Amino acid sequence: TGSANLLVAVAAAGLDALHRFLSDTVGAVDHITALEATPILTGVK
């Protein structure tokens, strides 16, 4: 809930692959009206 109604965790080979996934895959999905991508810089747990 909130301003976004789906949360999706994505893993990619690199930033170029992540960009292609966002542009080509997510960009082609109907019904998406907004998207905010939050990169994960490092994981602790």
ModelCIF file with pLDDT and N, C-alpha, C, O atoms, coordinates in Angstrom:
data_MODEL
#
_entry.id   MODEL 
#
_entity.id                         1 
_entity.type                       polymer 
_entity.pdbx_number_of_molecules   1 
#
_entity_poly.entity_id                      1 
_entity_poly.type                           'polypeptide(L)' 
_entity_poly.nstd_linkage                   no 
_entity_poly.nstd_monomer                   no 
_entity_poly.pdbx_seq_one_letter_code       TGSANLLVAVAAAGLDALHRFLSDTVGAVDHITALEATPILTGVK 
_entity_poly.pdbx_seq_one_letter_code_can   TGSANLLVAVAAAGLDALHRFLSDTVGAVDHITALEATPILTGVK 
_entity_poly.pdbx_strand_id                 A 
#
loop_
_entity_poly_seq.entity_id 
_entity_poly_seq.num 
_entity_poly_seq.mon_id 
_entity_poly_seq.hetero 
1 1  THR n 
1 2  GLY n 
1 3  SER n 
1 4  ALA n 
1 5  ASN n 
1 6  LEU n 
1 7  LEU n 
1 8  VAL n 
1 9  ALA n 
1 10 VAL n 
1 11 ALA n 
1 12 ALA n 
1 13 ALA n 
1 14 GLY n 
1 15 LEU n 
1 16 ASP n 
1 17 ALA n 
1 18 LEU n 
1 19 HIS n 
1 20 ARG n 
1 21 PHE n 
1 22 LEU n 
1 23 SER n 
1 24 ASP n 
1 25 THR n 
1 26 VAL n 
1 27 GLY n 
1 28 ALA n 
1 29 VAL n 
1 30 ASP n 
1 31 HIS n 
1 32 ILE n 
1 33 THR n 
1 34 ALA n 
1 35 LEU n 
1 36 GLU n 
1 37 ALA n 
1 38 THR n 
1 39 PRO n 
1 40 ILE n 
1 41 LEU n 
1 42 THR n 
1 43 GLY n 
1 44 VAL n 
1 45 LYS n 
#
_struct_asym.id          A 
_struct_asym.entity_id   1 
#
loop_
_ma_qa_metric.id 
_ma_qa_metric.mode 
_ma_qa_metric.name 
_ma_qa_metric.software_group_id 
_ma_qa_metric.type 
1 global pLDDT . pLDDT 
2 local  pLDDT . pLDDT 
#
_ma_qa_metric_global.metric_id      1 
_ma_qa_metric_global.metric_value   93.84 
_ma_qa_metric_global.model_id       1 
_ma_qa_metric_global.ordinal_id     1 
#
loop_
_ma_qa_metric_local.label_asym_id 
_ma_qa_metric_local.label_comp_id 
_ma_qa_metric_local.label_seq_id 
_ma_qa_metric_local.metric_id 
_ma_qa_metric_local.metric_value 
_ma_qa_metric_local.model_id 
_ma_qa_metric_local.ordinal_id 
A THR 1  2 94.00 1 1  
A GLY 2  2 91.00 1 2  
A SER 3  2 91.00 1 3  
A ALA 4  2 97.00 1 4  
A ASN 5  2 96.00 1 5  
A LEU 6  2 97.00 1 6  
A LEU 7  2 98.00 1 7  
A VAL 8  2 98.00 1 8  
A ALA 9  2 96.00 1 9  
A VAL 10 2 97.00 1 10 
A ALA 11 2 95.00 1 11 
A ALA 12 2 96.00 1 12 
A ALA 13 2 95.00 1 13 
A GLY 14 2 96.00 1 14 
A LEU 15 2 95.00 1 15 
A ASP 16 2 96.00 1 16 
A ALA 17 2 96.00 1 17 
A LEU 18 2 97.00 1 18 
A HIS 19 2 97.00 1 19 
A ARG 20 2 96.00 1 20 
A PHE 21 2 97.00 1 21 
A LEU 22 2 96.00 1 22 
A SER 23 2 96.00 1 23 
A ASP 24 2 96.00 1 24 
A THR 25 2 95.00 1 25 
A VAL 26 2 96.00 1 26 
A GLY 27 2 94.00 1 27 
A ALA 28 2 94.00 1 28 
A VAL 29 2 95.00 1 29 
A ASP 30 2 92.00 1 30 
A HIS 31 2 95.00 1 31 
A ILE 32 2 96.00 1 32 
A THR 33 2 95.00 1 33 
A ALA 34 2 96.00 1 34 
A LEU 35 2 96.00 1 35 
A GLU 36 2 97.00 1 36 
A ALA 37 2 96.00 1 37 
A THR 38 2 96.00 1 38 
A PRO 39 2 95.00 1 39 
A ILE 40 2 93.00 1 40 
A LEU 41 2 91.00 1 41 
A THR 42 2 84.00 1 42 
A GLY 43 2 78.00 1 43 
A VAL 44 2 76.00 1 44 
A LYS 45 2 74.00 1 45 
#
loop_
_atom_site.group_PDB 
_atom_site.id 
_atom_site.type_symbol 
_atom_site.label_atom_id 
_atom_site.label_alt_id 
_atom_site.label_comp_id 
_atom_site.label_asym_id 
_atom_site.label_entity_id 
_atom_site.label_seq_id 
_atom_site.pdbx_PDB_ins_code 
_atom_site.Cartn_x 
_atom_site.Cartn_y 
_atom_site.Cartn_z 
_atom_site.occupancy 
_atom_site.B_iso_or_equiv 
_atom_site.pdbx_formal_charge 
_atom_site.auth_seq_id 
_atom_site.auth_comp_id 
_atom_site.auth_asym_id 
_atom_site.auth_atom_id 
_atom_site.pdbx_PDB_model_num 
ATOM 1   N N  . THR A 1 1  ? 0.845  -1.186  0.000   1.00 94.00 ? 1  THR A N  1 
ATOM 2   C CA . THR A 1 1  ? 0.000  0.000   0.000   1.00 94.00 ? 1  THR A CA 1 
ATOM 3   C C  . THR A 1 1  ? 0.879  1.234   0.000   1.00 94.00 ? 1  THR A C  1 
ATOM 4   O O  . THR A 1 1  ? 2.089  1.150   0.208   1.00 94.00 ? 1  THR A O  1 
ATOM 5   N N  . GLY A 1 2  ? 0.271  2.359   -0.231  1.00 91.00 ? 2  GLY A N  1 
ATOM 6   C CA . GLY A 1 2  ? 1.007  3.604   -0.280  1.00 91.00 ? 2  GLY A CA 1 
ATOM 7   C C  . GLY A 1 2  ? 0.999  4.156   -1.692  1.00 91.00 ? 2  GLY A C  1 
ATOM 8   O O  . GLY A 1 2  ? 0.122  3.825   -2.490  1.00 91.00 ? 2  GLY A O  1 
ATOM 9   N N  . SER A 1 3  ? 1.969  4.991   -1.999  1.00 91.00 ? 3  SER A N  1 
ATOM 10  C CA . SER A 1 3  ? 2.004  5.578   -3.344  1.00 91.00 ? 3  SER A CA 1 
ATOM 11  C C  . SER A 1 3  ? 2.285  4.526   -4.411  1.00 91.00 ? 3  SER A C  1 
ATOM 12  O O  . SER A 1 3  ? 1.886  4.694   -5.563  1.00 91.00 ? 3  SER A O  1 
ATOM 13  N N  . ALA A 1 4  ? 2.967  3.445   -4.041  1.00 97.00 ? 4  ALA A N  1 
ATOM 14  C CA . ALA A 1 4  ? 3.167  2.301   -4.945  1.00 97.00 ? 4  ALA A CA 1 
ATOM 15  C C  . ALA A 1 4  ? 2.347  1.139   -4.412  1.00 97.00 ? 4  ALA A C  1 
ATOM 16  O O  . ALA A 1 4  ? 2.168  1.006   -3.201  1.00 97.00 ? 4  ALA A O  1 
ATOM 17  N N  . ASN A 1 5  ? 1.845  0.291   -5.313  1.00 96.00 ? 5  ASN A N  1 
ATOM 18  C CA . ASN A 1 5  ? 1.072  -0.858  -4.842  1.00 96.00 ? 5  ASN A CA 1 
ATOM 19  C C  . ASN A 1 5  ? 1.701  -2.204  -5.196  1.00 96.00 ? 5  ASN A C  1 
ATOM 20  O O  . ASN A 1 5  ? 1.093  -3.248  -4.960  1.00 96.00 ? 5  ASN A O  1 
ATOM 21  N N  . LEU A 1 6  ? 2.898  -2.194  -5.754  1.00 97.00 ? 6  LEU A N  1 
ATOM 22  C CA . LEU A 1 6  ? 3.687  -3.413  -5.960  1.00 97.00 ? 6  LEU A CA 1 
ATOM 23  C C  . LEU A 1 6  ? 5.132  -3.130  -5.566  1.00 97.00 ? 6  LEU A C  1 
ATOM 24  O O  . LEU A 1 6  ? 5.676  -2.070  -5.877  1.00 97.00 ? 6  LEU A O  1 
ATOM 25  N N  . LEU A 1 7  ? 5.738  -4.073  -4.888  1.00 98.00 ? 7  LEU A N  1 
ATOM 26  C CA . LEU A 1 7  ? 7.164  -4.002  -4.578  1.00 98.00 ? 7  LEU A CA 1 
ATOM 27  C C  . LEU A 1 7  ? 7.828  -5.191  -5.245  1.00 98.00 ? 7  LEU A C  1 
ATOM 28  O O  . LEU A 1 7  ? 7.417  -6.333  -5.041  1.00 98.00 ? 7  LEU A O  1 
ATOM 29  N N  . VAL A 1 8  ? 8.851  -4.927  -6.042  1.00 98.00 ? 8  VAL A N  1 
ATOM 30  C CA . VAL A 1 8  ? 9.526  -5.963  -6.815  1.00 98.00 ? 8  VAL A CA 1 
ATOM 31  C C  . VAL A 1 8  ? 11.031 -5.876  -6.544  1.00 98.00 ? 8  VAL A C  1 
ATOM 32  O O  . VAL A 1 8  ? 11.632 -4.818  -6.728  1.00 98.00 ? 8  VAL A O  1 
ATOM 33  N N  . ALA A 1 9  ? 11.638 -6.976  -6.111  1.00 96.00 ? 9  ALA A N  1 
ATOM 34  C CA . ALA A 1 9  ? 13.089 -7.038  -5.917  1.00 96.00 ? 9  ALA A CA 1 
ATOM 35  C C  . ALA A 1 9  ? 13.703 -7.657  -7.162  1.00 96.00 ? 9  ALA A C  1 
ATOM 36  O O  . ALA A 1 9  ? 13.276 -8.718  -7.616  1.00 96.00 ? 9  ALA A O  1 
ATOM 37  N N  . VAL A 1 10 ? 14.715 -6.981  -7.711  1.00 97.00 ? 10 VAL A N  1 
ATOM 38  C CA . VAL A 1 10 ? 15.327 -7.386  -8.976  1.00 97.00 ? 10 VAL A CA 1 
ATOM 39  C C  . VAL A 1 10 ? 16.828 -7.593  -8.783  1.00 97.00 ? 10 VAL A C  1 
ATOM 40  O O  . VAL A 1 10 ? 17.481 -6.828  -8.073  1.00 97.00 ? 10 VAL A O  1 
ATOM 41  N N  . ALA A 1 11 ? 17.365 -8.623  -9.414  1.00 95.00 ? 11 ALA A N  1 
ATOM 42  C CA . ALA A 1 11 ? 18.805 -8.884  -9.436  1.00 95.00 ? 11 ALA A CA 1 
ATOM 43  C C  . ALA A 1 11 ? 19.235 -8.966  -10.892 1.00 95.00 ? 11 ALA A C  1 
ATOM 44  O O  . ALA A 1 11 ? 18.585 -9.622  -11.706 1.00 95.00 ? 11 ALA A O  1 
ATOM 45  N N  . ALA A 1 12 ? 20.341 -8.291  -11.216 1.00 96.00 ? 12 ALA A N  1 
ATOM 46  C CA . ALA A 1 12 ? 20.813 -8.272  -12.602 1.00 96.00 ? 12 ALA A CA 1 
ATOM 47  C C  . ALA A 1 12 ? 22.329 -8.414  -12.635 1.00 96.00 ? 12 ALA A C  1 
ATOM 48  O O  . ALA A 1 12 ? 23.009 -8.206  -11.630 1.00 96.00 ? 12 ALA A O  1 
ATOM 49  N N  . ALA A 1 13 ? 22.839 -8.768  -13.797 1.00 95.00 ? 13 ALA A N  1 
ATOM 50  C CA . ALA A 1 13 ? 24.281 -8.985  -13.956 1.00 95.00 ? 13 ALA A CA 1 
ATOM 51  C C  . ALA A 1 13 ? 25.075 -7.707  -13.715 1.00 95.00 ? 13 ALA A C  1 
ATOM 52  O O  . ALA A 1 13 ? 26.228 -7.773  -13.290 1.00 95.00 ? 13 ALA A O  1 
ATOM 53  N N  . GLY A 1 14 ? 24.489 -6.563  -13.975 1.00 96.00 ? 14 GLY A N  1 
ATOM 54  C CA . GLY A 1 14 ? 25.169 -5.287  -13.782 1.00 96.00 ? 14 GLY A CA 1 
ATOM 55  C C  . GLY A 1 14 ? 24.198 -4.153  -14.028 1.00 96.00 ? 14 GLY A C  1 
ATOM 56  O O  . GLY A 1 14 ? 23.018 -4.382  -14.293 1.00 96.00 ? 14 GLY A O  1 
ATOM 57  N N  . LEU A 1 15 ? 24.690 -2.935  -13.940 1.00 95.00 ? 15 LEU A N  1 
ATOM 58  C CA . LEU A 1 15 ? 23.810 -1.781  -14.129 1.00 95.00 ? 15 LEU A CA 1 
ATOM 59  C C  . LEU A 1 15 ? 23.232 -1.714  -15.542 1.00 95.00 ? 15 LEU A C  1 
ATOM 60  O O  . LEU A 1 15 ? 22.082 -1.312  -15.721 1.00 95.00 ? 15 LEU A O  1 
ATOM 61  N N  . ASP A 1 16 ? 24.017 -2.102  -16.544 1.00 96.00 ? 16 ASP A N  1 
ATOM 62  C CA . ASP A 1 16 ? 23.481 -2.120  -17.915 1.00 96.00 ? 16 ASP A CA 1 
ATOM 63  C C  . ASP A 1 16 ? 22.330 -3.113  -18.038 1.00 96.00 ? 16 ASP A C  1 
ATOM 64  O O  . ASP A 1 16 ? 21.311 -2.811  -18.659 1.00 96.00 ? 16 ASP A O  1 
ATOM 65  N N  . ALA A 1 17 ? 22.487 -4.282  -17.454 1.00 96.00 ? 17 ALA A N  1 
ATOM 66  C CA . ALA A 1 17 ? 21.430 -5.290  -17.500 1.00 96.00 ? 17 ALA A CA 1 
ATOM 67  C C  . ALA A 1 17 ? 20.200 -4.824  -16.725 1.00 96.00 ? 17 ALA A C  1 
ATOM 68  O O  . ALA A 1 17 ? 19.070 -5.074  -17.145 1.00 96.00 ? 17 ALA A O  1 
ATOM 69  N N  . LEU A 1 18 ? 20.414 -4.153  -15.604 1.00 97.00 ? 18 LEU A N  1 
ATOM 70  C CA . LEU A 1 18 ? 19.296 -3.609  -14.841 1.00 97.00 ? 18 LEU A CA 1 
ATOM 71  C C  . LEU A 1 18 ? 18.567 -2.550  -15.653 1.00 97.00 ? 18 LEU A C  1 
ATOM 72  O O  . LEU A 1 18 ? 17.337 -2.518  -15.679 1.00 97.00 ? 18 LEU A O  1 
ATOM 73  N N  . HIS A 1 19 ? 19.323 -1.687  -16.314 1.00 97.00 ? 19 HIS A N  1 
ATOM 74  C CA . HIS A 1 19 ? 18.711 -0.662  -17.162 1.00 97.00 ? 19 HIS A CA 1 
ATOM 75  C C  . HIS A 1 19 ? 17.889 -1.290  -18.283 1.00 97.00 ? 19 HIS A C  1 
ATOM 76  O O  . HIS A 1 19 ? 16.771 -0.850  -18.549 1.00 97.00 ? 19 HIS A O  1 
ATOM 77  N N  . ARG A 1 20 ? 18.429 -2.308  -18.939 1.00 96.00 ? 20 ARG A N  1 
ATOM 78  C CA . ARG A 1 20 ? 17.689 -3.002  -20.008 1.00 96.00 ? 20 ARG A CA 1 
ATOM 79  C C  . ARG A 1 20 ? 16.421 -3.641  -19.464 1.00 96.00 ? 20 ARG A C  1 
ATOM 80  O O  . ARG A 1 20 ? 15.375 -3.584  -20.111 1.00 96.00 ? 20 ARG A O  1 
ATOM 81  N N  . PHE A 1 21 ? 16.497 -4.255  -18.269 1.00 97.00 ? 21 PHE A N  1 
ATOM 82  C CA . PHE A 1 21 ? 15.320 -4.866  -17.661 1.00 97.00 ? 21 PHE A CA 1 
ATOM 83  C C  . PHE A 1 21 ? 14.244 -3.805  -17.408 1.00 97.00 ? 21 PHE A C  1 
ATOM 84  O O  . PHE A 1 21 ? 13.069 -4.025  -17.698 1.00 97.00 ? 21 PHE A O  1 
ATOM 85  N N  . LEU A 1 22 ? 14.651 -2.663  -16.869 1.00 96.00 ? 22 LEU A N  1 
ATOM 86  C CA . LEU A 1 22 ? 13.681 -1.594  -16.598 1.00 96.00 ? 22 LEU A CA 1 
ATOM 87  C C  . LEU A 1 22 ? 13.091 -1.051  -17.893 1.00 96.00 ? 22 LEU A C  1 
ATOM 88  O O  . LEU A 1 22 ? 11.879 -0.859  -17.993 1.00 96.00 ? 22 LEU A O  1 
ATOM 89  N N  . SER A 1 23 ? 13.935 -0.805  -18.874 1.00 96.00 ? 23 SER A N  1 
ATOM 90  C CA . SER A 1 23 ? 13.467 -0.216  -20.131 1.00 96.00 ? 23 SER A CA 1 
ATOM 91  C C  . SER A 1 23 ? 12.655 -1.190  -20.968 1.00 96.00 ? 23 SER A C  1 
ATOM 92  O O  . SER A 1 23 ? 11.544 -0.875  -21.395 1.00 96.00 ? 23 SER A O  1 
ATOM 93  N N  . ASP A 1 24 ? 13.208 -2.369  -21.201 1.00 96.00 ? 24 ASP A N  1 
ATOM 94  C CA . ASP A 1 24 ? 12.589 -3.315  -22.134 1.00 96.00 ? 24 ASP A CA 1 
ATOM 95  C C  . ASP A 1 24 ? 11.486 -4.158  -21.498 1.00 96.00 ? 24 ASP A C  1 
ATOM 96  O O  . ASP A 1 24 ? 10.404 -4.300  -22.067 1.00 96.00 ? 24 ASP A O  1 
ATOM 97  N N  . THR A 1 25 ? 11.756 -4.711  -20.334 1.00 95.00 ? 25 THR A N  1 
ATOM 98  C CA . THR A 1 25 ? 10.798 -5.632  -19.704 1.00 95.00 ? 25 THR A CA 1 
ATOM 99  C C  . THR A 1 25 ? 9.717  -4.871  -18.958 1.00 95.00 ? 25 THR A C  1 
ATOM 100 O O  . THR A 1 25 ? 8.532  -5.012  -19.261 1.00 95.00 ? 25 THR A O  1 
ATOM 101 N N  . VAL A 1 26 ? 10.115 -4.073  -17.994 1.00 96.00 ? 26 VAL A N  1 
ATOM 102 C CA . VAL A 1 26 ? 9.126  -3.349  -17.191 1.00 96.00 ? 26 VAL A CA 1 
ATOM 103 C C  . VAL A 1 26 ? 8.417  -2.308  -18.054 1.00 96.00 ? 26 VAL A C  1 
ATOM 104 O O  . VAL A 1 26 ? 7.212  -2.098  -17.920 1.00 96.00 ? 26 VAL A O  1 
ATOM 105 N N  . GLY A 1 27 ? 9.167  -1.662  -18.932 1.00 94.00 ? 27 GLY A N  1 
ATOM 106 C CA . GLY A 1 27 ? 8.569  -0.650  -19.795 1.00 94.00 ? 27 GLY A CA 1 
ATOM 107 C C  . GLY A 1 27 ? 7.491  -1.173  -20.716 1.00 94.00 ? 27 GLY A C  1 
ATOM 108 O O  . GLY A 1 27 ? 6.638  -0.405  -21.163 1.00 94.00 ? 27 GLY A O  1 
ATOM 109 N N  . ALA A 1 28 ? 7.507  -2.466  -21.012 1.00 94.00 ? 28 ALA A N  1 
ATOM 110 C CA . ALA A 1 28 ? 6.516  -3.060  -21.909 1.00 94.00 ? 28 ALA A CA 1 
ATOM 111 C C  . ALA A 1 28 ? 5.271  -3.566  -21.190 1.00 94.00 ? 28 ALA A C  1 
ATOM 112 O O  . ALA A 1 28 ? 4.327  -4.017  -21.840 1.00 94.00 ? 28 ALA A O  1 
ATOM 113 N N  . VAL A 1 29 ? 5.253  -3.500  -19.865 1.00 95.00 ? 29 VAL A N  1 
ATOM 114 C CA . VAL A 1 29 ? 4.122  -4.026  -19.091 1.00 95.00 ? 29 VAL A CA 1 
ATOM 115 C C  . VAL A 1 29 ? 2.994  -2.998  -19.064 1.00 95.00 ? 29 VAL A C  1 
ATOM 116 O O  . VAL A 1 29 ? 3.204  -1.838  -18.709 1.00 95.00 ? 29 VAL A O  1 
ATOM 117 N N  . ASP A 1 30 ? 1.797  -3.440  -19.443 1.00 92.00 ? 30 ASP A N  1 
ATOM 118 C CA . ASP A 1 30 ? 0.618  -2.575  -19.398 1.00 92.00 ? 30 ASP A CA 1 
ATOM 119 C C  . ASP A 1 30 ? 0.253  -2.258  -17.946 1.00 92.00 ? 30 ASP A C  1 
ATOM 120 O O  . ASP A 1 30 ? 0.656  -2.977  -17.032 1.00 92.00 ? 30 ASP A O  1 
ATOM 121 N N  . HIS A 1 31 ? -0.488 -1.216  -17.742 1.00 95.00 ? 31 HIS A N  1 
ATOM 122 C CA . HIS A 1 31 ? -1.075 -0.821  -16.451 1.00 95.00 ? 31 HIS A CA 1 
ATOM 123 C C  . HIS A 1 31 ? -0.105 -0.142  -15.499 1.00 95.00 ? 31 HIS A C  1 
ATOM 124 O O  . HIS A 1 31 ? -0.537 0.348   -14.456 1.00 95.00 ? 31 HIS A O  1 
ATOM 125 N N  . ILE A 1 32 ? 1.189  -0.090  -15.808 1.00 96.00 ? 32 ILE A N  1 
ATOM 126 C CA . ILE A 1 32 ? 2.122  0.604   -14.918 1.00 96.00 ? 32 ILE A CA 1 
ATOM 127 C C  . ILE A 1 32 ? 2.006  2.104   -15.180 1.00 96.00 ? 32 ILE A C  1 
ATOM 128 O O  . ILE A 1 32 ? 2.174  2.564   -16.309 1.00 96.00 ? 32 ILE A O  1 
ATOM 129 N N  . THR A 1 33 ? 1.716  2.860   -14.116 1.00 95.00 ? 33 THR A N  1 
ATOM 130 C CA . THR A 1 33 ? 1.573  4.301   -14.255 1.00 95.00 ? 33 THR A CA 1 
ATOM 131 C C  . THR A 1 33 ? 2.756  5.063   -13.661 1.00 95.00 ? 33 THR A C  1 
ATOM 132 O O  . THR A 1 33 ? 2.992  6.219   -14.013 1.00 95.00 ? 33 THR A O  1 
ATOM 133 N N  . ALA A 1 34 ? 3.503  4.414   -12.758 1.00 96.00 ? 34 ALA A N  1 
ATOM 134 C CA . ALA A 1 34 ? 4.685  5.063   -12.169 1.00 96.00 ? 34 ALA A CA 1 
ATOM 135 C C  . ALA A 1 34 ? 5.634  3.989   -11.659 1.00 96.00 ? 34 ALA A C  1 
ATOM 136 O O  . ALA A 1 34 ? 5.219  2.888   -11.300 1.00 96.00 ? 34 ALA A O  1 
ATOM 137 N N  . LEU A 1 35 ? 6.922  4.335   -11.636 1.00 96.00 ? 35 LEU A N  1 
ATOM 138 C CA . LEU A 1 35 ? 7.946  3.395   -11.179 1.00 96.00 ? 35 LEU A CA 1 
ATOM 139 C C  . LEU A 1 35 ? 9.063  4.178   -10.510 1.00 96.00 ? 35 LEU A C  1 
ATOM 140 O O  . LEU A 1 35 ? 9.549  5.176   -11.043 1.00 96.00 ? 35 LEU A O  1 
ATOM 141 N N  . GLU A 1 36 ? 9.463  3.711   -9.333  1.00 97.00 ? 36 GLU A N  1 
ATOM 142 C CA . GLU A 1 36 ? 10.640 4.251   -8.669  1.00 97.00 ? 36 GLU A CA 1 
ATOM 143 C C  . GLU A 1 36 ? 11.583 3.091   -8.415  1.00 97.00 ? 36 GLU A C  1 
ATOM 144 O O  . GLU A 1 36 ? 11.198 2.105   -7.786  1.00 97.00 ? 36 GLU A O  1 
ATOM 145 N N  . ALA A 1 37 ? 12.806 3.196   -8.893  1.00 96.00 ? 37 ALA A N  1 
ATOM 146 C CA . ALA A 1 37 ? 13.806 2.145   -8.698  1.00 96.00 ? 37 ALA A CA 1 
ATOM 147 C C  . ALA A 1 37 ? 14.784 2.598   -7.621  1.00 96.00 ? 37 ALA A C  1 
ATOM 148 O O  . ALA A 1 37 ? 15.375 3.674   -7.714  1.00 96.00 ? 37 ALA A O  1 
ATOM 149 N N  . THR A 1 38 ? 14.944 1.764   -6.600  1.00 96.00 ? 38 THR A N  1 
ATOM 150 C CA . THR A 1 38 ? 15.865 2.055   -5.511  1.00 96.00 ? 38 THR A CA 1 
ATOM 151 C C  . THR A 1 38 ? 17.005 1.052   -5.576  1.00 96.00 ? 38 THR A C  1 
ATOM 152 O O  . THR A 1 38 ? 16.803 -0.113  -5.232  1.00 96.00 ? 38 THR A O  1 
ATOM 153 N N  . PRO A 1 39 ? 18.194 1.459   -6.002  1.00 95.00 ? 39 PRO A N  1 
ATOM 154 C CA . PRO A 1 39 ? 19.327 0.520   -6.052  1.00 95.00 ? 39 PRO A CA 1 
ATOM 155 C C  . PRO A 1 39 ? 19.725 0.089   -4.639  1.00 95.00 ? 39 PRO A C  1 
ATOM 156 O O  . PRO A 1 39 ? 19.675 0.884   -3.701  1.00 95.00 ? 39 PRO A O  1 
ATOM 157 N N  . ILE A 1 40 ? 20.115 -1.161  -4.500  1.00 93.00 ? 40 ILE A N  1 
ATOM 158 C CA . ILE A 1 40 ? 20.636 -1.670  -3.237  1.00 93.00 ? 40 ILE A CA 1 
ATOM 159 C C  . ILE A 1 40 ? 22.152 -1.540  -3.313  1.00 93.00 ? 40 ILE A C  1 
ATOM 160 O O  . ILE A 1 40 ? 22.795 -2.187  -4.140  1.00 93.00 ? 40 ILE A O  1 
ATOM 161 N N  . LEU A 1 41 ? 22.712 -0.715  -2.460  1.00 91.00 ? 41 LEU A N  1 
ATOM 162 C CA . LEU A 1 41 ? 24.146 -0.441  -2.511  1.00 91.00 ? 41 LEU A CA 1 
ATOM 163 C C  . LEU A 1 41 ? 24.968 -1.515  -1.816  1.00 91.00 ? 41 LEU A C  1 
ATOM 164 O O  . LEU A 1 41 ? 26.004 -1.932  -2.335  1.00 91.00 ? 41 LEU A O  1 
ATOM 165 N N  . THR A 1 42 ? 24.521 -1.969  -0.647  1.00 84.00 ? 42 THR A N  1 
ATOM 166 C CA . THR A 1 42 ? 25.206 -3.030  0.076   1.00 84.00 ? 42 THR A CA 1 
ATOM 167 C C  . THR A 1 42 ? 24.211 -3.680  1.022   1.00 84.00 ? 42 THR A C  1 
ATOM 168 O O  . THR A 1 42 ? 23.264 -3.038  1.476   1.00 84.00 ? 42 THR A O  1 
ATOM 169 N N  . GLY A 1 43 ? 24.427 -4.945  1.314   1.00 78.00 ? 43 GLY A N  1 
ATOM 170 C CA . GLY A 1 43 ? 23.532 -5.656  2.214   1.00 78.00 ? 43 GLY A CA 1 
ATOM 171 C C  . GLY A 1 43 ? 24.215 -6.004  3.520   1.00 78.00 ? 43 GLY A C  1 
ATOM 172 O O  . GLY A 1 43 ? 25.387 -6.378  3.532   1.00 78.00 ? 43 GLY A O  1 
ATOM 173 N N  . VAL A 1 44 ? 23.494 -5.884  4.613   1.00 76.00 ? 44 VAL A N  1 
ATOM 174 C CA . VAL A 1 44 ? 24.018 -6.224  5.925   1.00 76.00 ? 44 VAL A CA 1 
ATOM 175 C C  . VAL A 1 44 ? 23.407 -7.522  6.421   1.00 76.00 ? 44 VAL A C  1 
ATOM 176 O O  . VAL A 1 44 ? 24.076 -8.306  7.094   1.00 76.00 ? 44 VAL A O  1 
ATOM 177 N N  . LYS A 1 45 ? 22.127 -7.759  6.092   1.00 74.00 ? 45 LYS A N  1 
ATOM 178 C CA . LYS A 1 45 ? 21.440 -8.952  6.590   1.00 74.00 ? 45 LYS A CA 1 
ATOM 179 C C  . LYS A 1 45 ? 20.476 -9.456  5.536   1.00 74.00 ? 45 LYS A C  1 
ATOM 180 O O  . LYS A 1 45 ? 19.793 -10.457 5.753   1.00 74.00 ? 45 LYS A O  1 
#
